[in-house]
N, C-alpha and C. Protein backbone atom coordinates (compact mmCIF):
# COMPACT_ATOMS: atom_id res chain seq x y z
N MET A 1 108.92 71.80 75.93
CA MET A 1 109.93 72.22 76.87
C MET A 1 109.95 73.75 76.89
N SER A 2 109.87 74.34 78.07
CA SER A 2 109.84 75.80 78.17
C SER A 2 111.24 76.40 77.97
N ILE A 3 111.26 77.68 77.70
CA ILE A 3 112.54 78.37 77.52
C ILE A 3 113.34 78.30 78.82
N ALA A 4 112.67 78.44 79.96
CA ALA A 4 113.37 78.39 81.24
C ALA A 4 114.05 77.04 81.44
N THR A 5 113.39 75.96 81.04
CA THR A 5 113.98 74.63 81.15
C THR A 5 115.19 74.50 80.24
N LYS A 6 115.11 75.06 79.05
CA LYS A 6 116.23 75.01 78.11
C LYS A 6 117.41 75.83 78.63
N VAL A 7 117.13 77.00 79.20
CA VAL A 7 118.20 77.84 79.75
C VAL A 7 118.86 77.13 80.92
N ALA A 8 118.07 76.50 81.78
CA ALA A 8 118.63 75.77 82.93
C ALA A 8 119.55 74.65 82.45
N ALA A 9 119.13 73.93 81.42
CA ALA A 9 119.96 72.85 80.88
C ALA A 9 121.25 73.42 80.30
N LEU A 10 121.18 74.56 79.65
CA LEU A 10 122.36 75.19 79.09
C LEU A 10 123.31 75.65 80.19
N LEU A 11 122.77 76.23 81.25
CA LEU A 11 123.62 76.72 82.34
C LEU A 11 124.33 75.58 83.06
N VAL A 12 123.72 74.42 83.12
CA VAL A 12 124.37 73.27 83.74
C VAL A 12 125.63 72.89 82.97
N ALA A 13 125.61 73.12 81.65
CA ALA A 13 126.73 72.74 80.80
C ALA A 13 127.86 73.76 80.79
N VAL A 14 127.63 74.97 81.31
CA VAL A 14 128.66 76.01 81.29
C VAL A 14 129.77 75.64 82.27
N ARG A 15 131.00 75.72 81.77
CA ARG A 15 132.17 75.42 82.60
C ARG A 15 132.92 76.69 82.93
N ARG A 16 133.74 76.65 83.95
CA ARG A 16 134.55 77.81 84.32
C ARG A 16 135.39 78.27 83.14
N GLN A 17 135.94 77.34 82.39
CA GLN A 17 136.77 77.67 81.23
C GLN A 17 135.96 78.47 80.21
N ASP A 18 134.69 78.11 80.03
CA ASP A 18 133.85 78.84 79.09
C ASP A 18 133.70 80.30 79.51
N VAL A 19 133.52 80.52 80.79
CA VAL A 19 133.35 81.88 81.31
C VAL A 19 134.67 82.64 81.22
N GLU A 20 135.77 81.98 81.53
CA GLU A 20 137.08 82.65 81.49
C GLU A 20 137.47 83.07 80.09
N GLU A 21 136.94 82.40 79.06
CA GLU A 21 137.24 82.74 77.67
C GLU A 21 136.48 83.98 77.20
N LEU A 22 135.50 84.43 77.96
CA LEU A 22 134.73 85.62 77.59
C LEU A 22 135.55 86.88 77.84
N SER A 23 135.26 87.91 77.07
CA SER A 23 135.88 89.21 77.34
C SER A 23 135.29 89.75 78.64
N PRO A 24 135.97 90.68 79.28
CA PRO A 24 135.42 91.24 80.53
C PRO A 24 134.00 91.81 80.36
N VAL A 25 133.74 92.44 79.24
CA VAL A 25 132.41 93.00 79.00
C VAL A 25 131.37 91.90 78.87
N GLU A 26 131.70 90.85 78.12
CA GLU A 26 130.77 89.73 77.96
C GLU A 26 130.55 89.01 79.28
N ARG A 27 131.61 88.89 80.07
CA ARG A 27 131.51 88.22 81.37
C ARG A 27 130.59 89.00 82.30
N GLN A 28 130.72 90.33 82.30
CA GLN A 28 129.87 91.16 83.14
C GLN A 28 128.41 91.07 82.68
N ARG A 29 128.20 91.05 81.37
CA ARG A 29 126.83 90.93 80.84
C ARG A 29 126.21 89.60 81.25
N LEU A 30 126.99 88.53 81.16
CA LEU A 30 126.51 87.21 81.58
C LEU A 30 126.16 87.23 83.07
N ALA A 31 127.01 87.82 83.88
CA ALA A 31 126.76 87.89 85.32
C ALA A 31 125.48 88.67 85.61
N ASN A 32 125.29 89.78 84.92
CA ASN A 32 124.07 90.58 85.12
C ASN A 32 122.83 89.81 84.71
N LEU A 33 122.90 89.11 83.59
CA LEU A 33 121.76 88.31 83.13
C LEU A 33 121.45 87.18 84.12
N CYS A 34 122.48 86.54 84.63
CA CYS A 34 122.27 85.45 85.60
C CYS A 34 121.62 85.99 86.87
N ARG A 35 122.06 87.16 87.35
CA ARG A 35 121.45 87.75 88.53
C ARG A 35 119.99 88.11 88.28
N TYR A 36 119.70 88.62 87.08
CA TYR A 36 118.33 88.98 86.73
C TYR A 36 117.43 87.75 86.73
N VAL A 37 117.88 86.68 86.10
CA VAL A 37 117.09 85.45 86.04
C VAL A 37 116.95 84.85 87.44
N ALA A 38 118.00 84.93 88.24
CA ALA A 38 117.92 84.43 89.61
C ALA A 38 116.87 85.20 90.41
N SER A 39 116.79 86.51 90.18
CA SER A 39 115.78 87.30 90.90
C SER A 39 114.38 86.91 90.46
N LEU A 40 114.21 86.51 89.21
CA LEU A 40 112.90 86.03 88.75
C LEU A 40 112.55 84.69 89.38
N ALA A 41 113.57 83.86 89.60
CA ALA A 41 113.34 82.51 90.12
C ALA A 41 113.07 82.49 91.61
N GLU A 42 113.58 83.49 92.34
CA GLU A 42 113.37 83.54 93.78
C GLU A 42 111.91 83.89 94.07
N PRO A 43 111.31 83.20 95.04
CA PRO A 43 109.93 83.54 95.39
C PRO A 43 109.86 84.92 96.04
N ALA A 44 108.79 85.62 95.75
CA ALA A 44 108.60 86.94 96.35
C ALA A 44 108.35 86.77 97.85
N THR A 45 108.98 87.60 98.65
CA THR A 45 108.83 87.47 100.10
C THR A 45 107.51 88.05 100.57
N GLY A 46 107.01 89.04 99.87
CA GLY A 46 105.75 89.64 100.26
C GLY A 46 105.88 90.58 101.44
N ALA A 47 107.07 90.67 102.00
CA ALA A 47 107.28 91.56 103.13
C ALA A 47 107.42 92.99 102.63
N PRO A 48 106.79 93.93 103.30
CA PRO A 48 106.93 95.31 102.86
C PRO A 48 108.36 95.80 103.05
N GLU A 49 108.76 96.73 102.22
CA GLU A 49 110.10 97.29 102.32
C GLU A 49 110.21 98.06 103.63
N ARG A 50 111.26 97.81 104.36
CA ARG A 50 111.42 98.45 105.66
C ARG A 50 112.13 99.78 105.49
N THR A 51 111.56 100.80 106.09
CA THR A 51 112.17 102.13 106.09
C THR A 51 111.96 102.75 107.45
N GLY A 52 112.62 103.85 107.68
CA GLY A 52 112.39 104.59 108.91
C GLY A 52 113.65 104.80 109.72
N VAL A 53 113.44 105.45 110.85
CA VAL A 53 114.55 105.84 111.71
C VAL A 53 115.28 104.63 112.27
N LEU A 54 114.57 103.61 112.71
CA LEU A 54 115.24 102.45 113.29
C LEU A 54 116.11 101.74 112.26
N LEU A 55 115.63 101.63 111.04
CA LEU A 55 116.43 101.00 109.99
C LEU A 55 117.67 101.85 109.70
N ASP A 56 117.51 103.18 109.68
CA ASP A 56 118.65 104.06 109.47
C ASP A 56 119.69 103.88 110.57
N LEU A 57 119.25 103.74 111.80
CA LEU A 57 120.18 103.54 112.91
C LEU A 57 120.90 102.20 112.79
N LYS A 58 120.18 101.16 112.41
CA LYS A 58 120.80 99.83 112.26
C LYS A 58 121.85 99.84 111.15
N SER A 59 121.59 100.58 110.08
CA SER A 59 122.52 100.61 108.96
C SER A 59 123.63 101.63 109.16
N GLY A 60 123.57 102.38 110.25
CA GLY A 60 124.64 103.33 110.55
C GLY A 60 124.43 104.71 109.97
N ARG A 61 123.31 104.94 109.32
CA ARG A 61 123.05 106.27 108.75
C ARG A 61 122.49 107.17 109.84
N ARG A 62 123.01 108.40 109.88
CA ARG A 62 122.54 109.36 110.87
C ARG A 62 122.36 110.71 110.20
N ALA A 63 121.41 111.47 110.69
CA ALA A 63 121.25 112.85 110.25
C ALA A 63 122.34 113.67 110.92
N GLU A 64 123.01 114.47 110.17
CA GLU A 64 124.11 115.29 110.72
C GLU A 64 123.58 116.63 111.16
């Protein structure tokens, strides 16, 4: 059994009460770790990062 499989099984068992019992620092650390593992689990899109003037305009950024 891989570590990822063991972690997934452990996460299934985590209850809201378990998370609420954590200190704010521990809760934030858990959230950061979960986001990190989720980013590993998501397939890479392979799309190049979009940059440029049109993206700046869409996001509302303008040169002053």
